[in-house]
């Protein structure tokens, strides 16, 4: 699991940091403020991070691409 801070661009792989950033009360209304297209740069940044860390660590074949399975906007 990866977490990218929108303000700093920092990517964290520490689950406790991700949990602290995304937790909320069950009755909290959820909404999308920015939309998917606005976050294209953030998505590319996370995919590049995955390519330069995880895919290198597992020695993935040349041309292997990371696949973003899910993401959420945190406001």
PDB file of N, CA and C in Angstrom:
ATOM      1  N   UNK A   1       0.840  -1.167   0.000  1.00  0.00           N
ATOM      2  CA  UNK A   1       0.000   0.000   0.000  1.00  0.00           C
ATOM      3  C   UNK A   1       0.889   1.235   0.000  1.00  0.00           C
ATOM      4  N   UNK A   2       0.531   2.183  -0.804  1.00  0.00           N
ATOM      5  CA  UNK A   2       1.278   3.429  -0.905  1.00  0.00           C
ATOM      6  C   UNK A   2       0.356   4.587  -0.544  1.00  0.00           C
ATOM      7  N   UNK A   3       0.920   5.622   0.063  1.00  0.00           N
ATOM      8  CA  UNK A   3       0.171   6.827   0.364  1.00  0.00           C
ATOM      9  C   UNK A   3       0.986   8.010  -0.123  1.00  0.00           C
ATOM     10  N   UNK A   4       0.375   8.859  -0.958  1.00  0.00           N
ATOM     11  CA  UNK A   4       1.060  10.046  -1.476  1.00  0.00           C
ATOM     12  C   UNK A   4       0.432  11.281  -0.866  1.00  0.00           C
ATOM     13  N   UNK A   5       1.241  12.070  -0.170  1.00  0.00           N
ATOM     14  CA  UNK A   5       0.784  13.326   0.407  1.00  0.00           C
ATOM     15  C   UNK A   5       0.648  14.350  -0.717  1.00  0.00           C
ATOM     16  N   UNK A   6      -0.549  14.886  -0.904  1.00  0.00           N
ATOM     17  CA  UNK A   6      -0.819  15.800  -2.013  1.00  0.00           C
ATOM     18  C   UNK A   6      -0.024  17.090  -1.906  1.00  0.00           C
ATOM     19  N   UNK A   7       0.227  17.561  -0.707  1.00  0.00           N
ATOM     20  CA  UNK A   7       0.943  18.819  -0.538  1.00  0.00           C
ATOM     21  C   UNK A   7       2.439  18.677  -0.764  1.00  0.00           C
ATOM     22  N   UNK A   8       3.039  17.652  -0.203  1.00  0.00           N
ATOM     23  CA  UNK A   8       4.491  17.495  -0.305  1.00  0.00           C
ATOM     24  C   UNK A   8       4.920  16.578  -1.447  1.00  0.00           C
ATOM     25  N   UNK A   9       4.007  15.711  -1.915  1.00  0.00           N
ATOM     26  CA  UNK A   9       4.355  14.741  -2.943  1.00  0.00           C
ATOM     27  C   UNK A   9       5.068  13.527  -2.380  1.00  0.00           C
ATOM     28  N   UNK A  10       5.278  13.500  -1.059  1.00  0.00           N
ATOM     29  CA  UNK A  10       5.976  12.390  -0.403  1.00  0.00           C
ATOM     30  C   UNK A  10       5.129  11.125  -0.491  1.00  0.00           C
ATOM     31  N   UNK A  11       5.778  10.015  -0.804  1.00  0.00           N
ATOM     32  CA  UNK A  11       5.105   8.725  -0.878  1.00  0.00           C
ATOM     33  C   UNK A  11       5.558   7.868   0.292  1.00  0.00           C
ATOM     34  N   UNK A  12       4.591   7.351   1.030  1.00  0.00           N
ATOM     35  CA  UNK A  12       4.884   6.529   2.197  1.00  0.00           C
ATOM     36  C   UNK A  12       4.388   5.109   1.945  1.00  0.00           C
ATOM     37  N   UNK A  13       5.139   4.145   2.441  1.00  0.00           N
ATOM     38  CA  UNK A  13       4.735   2.749   2.377  1.00  0.00           C
ATOM     39  C   UNK A  13       4.441   2.204   3.768  1.00  0.00           C
ATOM     40  N   UNK A  14       4.405   3.091   4.764  1.00  0.00           N
ATOM     41  CA  UNK A  14       4.172   2.692   6.143  1.00  0.00           C
ATOM     42  C   UNK A  14       2.665   2.664   6.391  1.00  0.00           C
ATOM     43  N   UNK A  15       2.128   1.495   6.679  1.00  0.00           N
ATOM     44  CA  UNK A  15       0.687   1.306   6.808  1.00  0.00           C
ATOM     45  C   UNK A  15       0.095   2.188   7.907  1.00  0.00           C
ATOM     46  N   UNK A  16       0.825   2.394   8.998  1.00  0.00           N
ATOM     47  CA  UNK A  16       0.312   3.218  10.089  1.00  0.00           C
ATOM     48  C   UNK A  16       0.132   4.681   9.646  1.00  0.00           C
ATOM     49  N   UNK A  17       1.014   5.174   8.800  1.00  0.00           N
ATOM     50  CA  UNK A  17       0.879   6.539   8.292  1.00  0.00           C
ATOM     51  C   UNK A  17      -0.334   6.649   7.373  1.00  0.00           C
ATOM     52  N   UNK A  18      -0.536   5.639   6.560  1.00  0.00           N
ATOM     53  CA  UNK A  18      -1.697   5.633   5.667  1.00  0.00           C
ATOM     54  C   UNK A  18      -2.975   5.580   6.487  1.00  0.00           C
ATOM     55  N   UNK A  19      -3.022   4.700   7.457  1.00  0.00           N
ATOM     56  CA  UNK A  19      -4.203   4.559   8.293  1.00  0.00           C
ATOM     57  C   UNK A  19      -4.538   5.871   8.990  1.00  0.00           C
ATOM     58  N   UNK A  20      -3.538   6.535   9.537  1.00  0.00           N
ATOM     59  CA  UNK A  20      -3.767   7.798  10.245  1.00  0.00           C
ATOM     60  C   UNK A  20      -4.324   8.865   9.299  1.00  0.00           C
ATOM     61  N   UNK A  21      -3.912   8.844   8.056  1.00  0.00           N
ATOM     62  CA  UNK A  21      -4.364   9.846   7.088  1.00  0.00           C
ATOM     63  C   UNK A  21      -5.780   9.586   6.582  1.00  0.00           C
ATOM     64  N   UNK A  22      -6.190   8.332   6.498  1.00  0.00           N
ATOM     65  CA  UNK A  22      -7.487   8.012   5.886  1.00  0.00           C
ATOM     66  C   UNK A  22      -8.609   7.729   6.878  1.00  0.00           C
ATOM     67  N   UNK A  23      -8.301   7.589   8.148  1.00  0.00           N
ATOM     68  CA  UNK A  23      -9.351   7.238   9.099  1.00  0.00           C
ATOM     69  C   UNK A  23     -10.355   8.388   9.256  1.00  0.00           C
ATOM     70  N   UNK A  24     -11.586   8.015   9.514  1.00  0.00           N
ATOM     71  CA  UNK A  24     -12.645   8.985   9.774  1.00  0.00           C
ATOM     72  C   UNK A  24     -13.772   8.279  10.515  1.00  0.00           C
ATOM     73  N   UNK A  25     -14.704   9.052  10.998  1.00  0.00           N
ATOM     74  CA  UNK A  25     -15.847   8.483  11.701  1.00  0.00           C
ATOM     75  C   UNK A  25     -16.800   7.842  10.707  1.00  0.00           C
ATOM     76  N   UNK A  26     -17.530   6.793  11.125  1.00  0.00           N
ATOM     77  CA  UNK A  26     -18.433   6.094  10.206  1.00  0.00           C
ATOM     78  C   UNK A  26     -19.501   6.994   9.590  1.00  0.00           C
ATOM     79  N   UNK A  27     -19.914   8.049  10.285  1.00  0.00           N
ATOM     80  CA  UNK A  27     -20.962   8.912   9.750  1.00  0.00           C
ATOM     81  C   UNK A  27     -20.431  10.064   8.892  1.00  0.00           C
ATOM     82  N   UNK A  28     -19.143  10.088   8.640  1.00  0.00           N
ATOM     83  CA  UNK A  28     -18.534  11.145   7.828  1.00  0.00           C
ATOM     84  C   UNK A  28     -18.977  10.996   6.371  1.00  0.00           C
ATOM     85  N   UNK A  29     -19.519  12.059   5.807  1.00  0.00           N
ATOM     86  CA  UNK A  29     -19.936  12.033   4.410  1.00  0.00           C
ATOM     87  C   UNK A  29     -18.706  12.031   3.502  1.00  0.00           C
ATOM     88  N   UNK A  30     -18.750  11.197   2.491  1.00  0.00           N
ATOM     89  CA  UNK A  30     -17.640  11.109   1.553  1.00  0.00           C
ATOM     90  C   UNK A  30     -18.017  11.795   0.252  1.00  0.00           C
ATOM     91  N   UNK A  31     -17.040  12.477  -0.333  1.00  0.00           N
ATOM     92  CA  UNK A  31     -17.293  13.158  -1.602  1.00  0.00           C
ATOM     93  C   UNK A  31     -15.988  13.260  -2.382  1.00  0.00           C
ATOM     94  N   UNK A  32     -16.107  13.447  -3.680  1.00  0.00           N
ATOM     95  CA  UNK A  32     -14.942  13.638  -4.548  1.00  0.00           C
ATOM     96  C   UNK A  32     -14.872  15.122  -4.885  1.00  0.00           C
ATOM     97  N   UNK A  33     -13.791  15.758  -4.478  1.00  0.00           N
ATOM     98  CA  UNK A  33     -13.635  17.191  -4.698  1.00  0.00           C
ATOM     99  C   UNK A  33     -12.884  17.495  -5.992  1.00  0.00           C
ATOM    100  N   UNK A  34     -11.840  16.772  -6.260  1.00  0.00           N
ATOM    101  CA  UNK A  34     -10.956  17.099  -7.372  1.00  0.00           C
ATOM    102  C   UNK A  34     -11.280  16.356  -8.662  1.00  0.00           C
ATOM    103  N   UNK A  35     -11.757  15.152  -8.580  1.00  0.00           N
ATOM    104  CA  UNK A  35     -12.022  14.359  -9.768  1.00  0.00           C
ATOM    105  C   UNK A  35     -10.791  13.591 -10.227  1.00  0.00           C
ATOM    106  N   UNK A  36     -11.020  12.525 -10.941  1.00  0.00           N
ATOM    107  CA  UNK A  36      -9.949  11.617 -11.347  1.00  0.00           C
ATOM    108  C   UNK A  36      -8.942  12.288 -12.273  1.00  0.00           C
ATOM    109  N   UNK A  37      -9.396  13.055 -13.249  1.00  0.00           N
ATOM    110  CA  UNK A  37      -8.472  13.643 -14.223  1.00  0.00           C
ATOM    111  C   UNK A  37      -7.498  14.625 -13.582  1.00  0.00           C
ATOM    112  N   UNK A  38      -7.912  15.287 -12.530  1.00  0.00           N
ATOM    113  CA  UNK A  38      -7.032  16.252 -11.864  1.00  0.00           C
ATOM    114  C   UNK A  38      -5.856  15.561 -11.185  1.00  0.00           C
ATOM    115  N   UNK A  39      -6.013  14.300 -10.841  1.00  0.00           N
ATOM    116  CA  UNK A  39      -4.982  13.584 -10.098  1.00  0.00           C
ATOM    117  C   UNK A  39      -4.083  12.724 -10.981  1.00  0.00           C
ATOM    118  N   UNK A  40      -4.103  12.944 -12.281  1.00  0.00           N
ATOM    119  CA  UNK A  40      -3.283  12.146 -13.197  1.00  0.00           C
ATOM    120  C   UNK A  40      -1.798  12.232 -12.836  1.00  0.00           C
ATOM    121  N   UNK A  41      -1.322  13.413 -12.491  1.00  0.00           N
ATOM    122  CA  UNK A  41       0.089  13.576 -12.133  1.00  0.00           C
ATOM    123  C   UNK A  41       0.426  12.791 -10.865  1.00  0.00           C
ATOM    124  N   UNK A  42      -0.468  12.818  -9.888  1.00  0.00           N
ATOM    125  CA  UNK A  42      -0.241  12.061  -8.651  1.00  0.00           C
ATOM    126  C   UNK A  42      -0.196  10.571  -8.942  1.00  0.00           C
ATOM    127  N   UNK A  43      -1.117  10.102  -9.786  1.00  0.00           N
ATOM    128  CA  UNK A  43      -1.146   8.674 -10.147  1.00  0.00           C
ATOM    129  C   UNK A  43       0.157   8.272 -10.821  1.00  0.00           C
ATOM    130  N   UNK A  44       0.636   9.099 -11.752  1.00  0.00           N
ATOM    131  CA  UNK A  44       1.894   8.796 -12.439  1.00  0.00           C
ATOM    132  C   UNK A  44       3.062   8.772 -11.459  1.00  0.00           C
ATOM    133  N   UNK A  45       3.036   9.659 -10.483  1.00  0.00           N
ATOM    134  CA  UNK A  45       4.086   9.703  -9.474  1.00  0.00           C
ATOM    135  C   UNK A  45       4.119   8.412  -8.662  1.00  0.00           C
ATOM    136  N   UNK A  46       2.946   7.922  -8.270  1.00  0.00           N
ATOM    137  CA  UNK A  46       2.876   6.671  -7.507  1.00  0.00           C
ATOM    138  C   UNK A  46       3.315   5.501  -8.373  1.00  0.00           C
ATOM    139  N   UNK A  47       2.872   5.451  -9.619  1.00  0.00           N
ATOM    140  CA  UNK A  47       3.283   4.364 -10.511  1.00  0.00           C
ATOM    141  C   UNK A  47       4.794   4.372 -10.723  1.00  0.00           C
ATOM    142  N   UNK A  48       5.391   5.556 -10.850  1.00  0.00           N
ATOM    143  CA  UNK A  48       6.851   5.654 -11.010  1.00  0.00           C
ATOM    144  C   UNK A  48       7.547   5.150  -9.749  1.00  0.00           C
ATOM    145  N   UNK A  49       7.000   5.497  -8.590  1.00  0.00           N
ATOM    146  CA  UNK A  49       7.570   5.028  -7.330  1.00  0.00           C
ATOM    147  C   UNK A  49       7.528   3.500  -7.254  1.00  0.00           C
ATOM    148  N   UNK A  50       6.403   2.909  -7.634  1.00  0.00           N
ATOM    149  CA  UNK A  50       6.272   1.450  -7.625  1.00  0.00           C
ATOM    150  C   UNK A  50       7.296   0.831  -8.567  1.00  0.00           C
ATOM    151  N   UNK A  51       7.431   1.412  -9.745  1.00  0.00           N
ATOM    152  CA  UNK A  51       8.388   0.903 -10.738  1.00  0.00           C
ATOM    153  C   UNK A  51       9.811   0.963 -10.196  1.00  0.00           C
ATOM    154  N   UNK A  52      10.158   2.072  -9.538  1.00  0.00           N
ATOM    155  CA  UNK A  52      11.530   2.263  -9.068  1.00  0.00           C
ATOM    156  C   UNK A  52      11.827   1.571  -7.745  1.00  0.00           C
ATOM    157  N   UNK A  53      10.828   1.039  -7.082  1.00  0.00           N
ATOM    158  CA  UNK A  53      11.067   0.327  -5.818  1.00  0.00           C
ATOM    159  C   UNK A  53      10.662  -1.136  -5.957  1.00  0.00           C
ATOM    160  N   UNK A  54       9.389  -1.400  -5.909  1.00  0.00           N
ATOM    161  CA  UNK A  54       8.886  -2.777  -5.886  1.00  0.00           C
ATOM    162  C   UNK A  54       9.287  -3.580  -7.127  1.00  0.00           C
ATOM    163  N   UNK A  55       9.052  -3.027  -8.307  1.00  0.00           N
ATOM    164  CA  UNK A  55       9.358  -3.799  -9.523  1.00  0.00           C
ATOM    165  C   UNK A  55      10.845  -4.090  -9.648  1.00  0.00           C
ATOM    166  N   UNK A  56      11.694  -3.162  -9.195  1.00  0.00           N
ATOM    167  CA  UNK A  56      13.136  -3.423  -9.207  1.00  0.00           C
ATOM    168  C   UNK A  56      13.499  -4.480  -8.176  1.00  0.00           C
ATOM    169  N   UNK A  57      12.859  -4.395  -6.998  1.00  0.00           N
ATOM    170  CA  UNK A  57      13.142  -5.367  -5.936  1.00  0.00           C
ATOM    171  C   UNK A  57      12.820  -6.798  -6.363  1.00  0.00           C
ATOM    172  N   UNK A  58      11.740  -6.980  -7.112  1.00  0.00           N
ATOM    173  CA  UNK A  58      11.360  -8.332  -7.528  1.00  0.00           C
ATOM    174  C   UNK A  58      11.968  -8.696  -8.883  1.00  0.00           C
ATOM    175  N   UNK A  59      12.778  -7.793  -9.419  1.00  0.00           N
ATOM    176  CA  UNK A  59      13.435  -7.994 -10.709  1.00  0.00           C
ATOM    177  C   UNK A  59      12.414  -8.347 -11.795  1.00  0.00           C
ATOM    178  N   UNK A  60      11.402  -7.499 -11.880  1.00  0.00           N
ATOM    179  CA  UNK A  60      10.352  -7.689 -12.887  1.00  0.00           C
ATOM    180  C   UNK A  60      10.953  -7.550 -14.282  1.00  0.00           C
ATOM    181  N   UNK A  61      10.387  -8.227 -15.268  1.00  0.00           N
ATOM    182  CA  UNK A  61      10.914  -8.134 -16.630  1.00  0.00           C
ATOM    183  C   UNK A  61      10.814  -6.710 -17.168  1.00  0.00           C
ATOM    184  N   UNK A  62      11.729  -6.367 -18.069  1.00  0.00           N
ATOM    185  CA  UNK A  62      11.705  -5.056 -18.707  1.00  0.00           C
ATOM    186  C   UNK A  62      10.349  -4.868 -19.385  1.00  0.00           C
ATOM    187  N   UNK A  63       9.764  -3.699 -19.194  1.00  0.00           N
ATOM    188  CA  UNK A  63       8.461  -3.417 -19.785  1.00  0.00           C
ATOM    189  C   UNK A  63       7.301  -3.687 -18.855  1.00  0.00           C
ATOM    190  N   UNK A  64       7.565  -4.334 -17.702  1.00  0.00           N
ATOM    191  CA  UNK A  64       6.486  -4.566 -16.734  1.00  0.00           C
ATOM    192  C   UNK A  64       6.024  -3.222 -16.200  1.00  0.00           C
ATOM    193  N   UNK A  65       4.722  -3.053 -16.102  1.00  0.00           N
ATOM    194  CA  UNK A  65       4.181  -1.779 -15.647  1.00  0.00           C
ATOM    195  C   UNK A  65       3.365  -1.981 -14.373  1.00  0.00           C
ATOM    196  N   UNK A  66       3.460  -1.012 -13.446  1.00  0.00           N
ATOM    197  CA  UNK A  66       2.643  -1.105 -12.244  1.00  0.00           C
ATOM    198  C   UNK A  66       1.172  -0.906 -12.593  1.00  0.00           C
ATOM    199  N   UNK A  67       0.307  -1.518 -11.814  1.00  0.00           N
ATOM    200  CA  UNK A  67      -1.122  -1.373 -12.041  1.00  0.00           C
ATOM    201  C   UNK A  67      -1.759  -0.776 -10.792  1.00  0.00           C
ATOM    202  N   UNK A  68      -2.347   0.398 -10.957  1.00  0.00           N
ATOM    203  CA  UNK A  68      -3.036   1.041  -9.855  1.00  0.00           C
ATOM    204  C   UNK A  68      -4.410   0.397  -9.725  1.00  0.00           C
ATOM    205  N   UNK A  69      -4.664  -0.239  -8.596  1.00  0.00           N
ATOM    206  CA  UNK A  69      -5.894  -0.981  -8.398  1.00  0.00           C
ATOM    207  C   UNK A  69      -6.976  -0.109  -7.781  1.00  0.00           C
ATOM    208  N   UNK A  70      -6.614   0.728  -6.845  1.00  0.00           N
ATOM    209  CA  UNK A  70      -7.598   1.599  -6.183  1.00  0.00           C
ATOM    210  C   UNK A  70      -6.881   2.825  -5.645  1.00  0.00           C
ATOM    211  N   UNK A  71      -7.654   3.890  -5.517  1.00  0.00           N
ATOM    212  CA  UNK A  71      -7.127   5.087  -4.872  1.00  0.00           C
ATOM    213  C   UNK A  71      -8.273   5.855  -4.260  1.00  0.00           C
ATOM    214  N   UNK A  72      -7.939   6.776  -3.362  1.00  0.00           N
ATOM    215  CA  UNK A  72      -8.975   7.594  -2.759  1.00  0.00           C
ATOM    216  C   UNK A  72      -8.429   8.996  -2.553  1.00  0.00           C
ATOM    217  N   UNK A  73      -9.334   9.941  -2.630  1.00  0.00           N
ATOM    218  CA  UNK A  73      -8.991  11.337  -2.377  1.00  0.00           C
ATOM    219  C   UNK A  73      -9.280  11.613  -0.912  1.00  0.00           C
ATOM    220  N   UNK A  74      -8.337  12.254  -0.244  1.00  0.00           N
ATOM    221  CA  UNK A  74      -8.493  12.556   1.176  1.00  0.00           C
ATOM    222  C   UNK A  74      -8.541  14.071   1.324  1.00  0.00           C
ATOM    223  N   UNK A  75      -9.569  14.534   1.968  1.00  0.00           N
ATOM    224  CA  UNK A  75      -9.704  15.991   2.119  1.00  0.00           C
ATOM    225  C   UNK A  75      -9.742  16.421   3.536  1.00  0.00           C
TER     226      UNK A  75
END
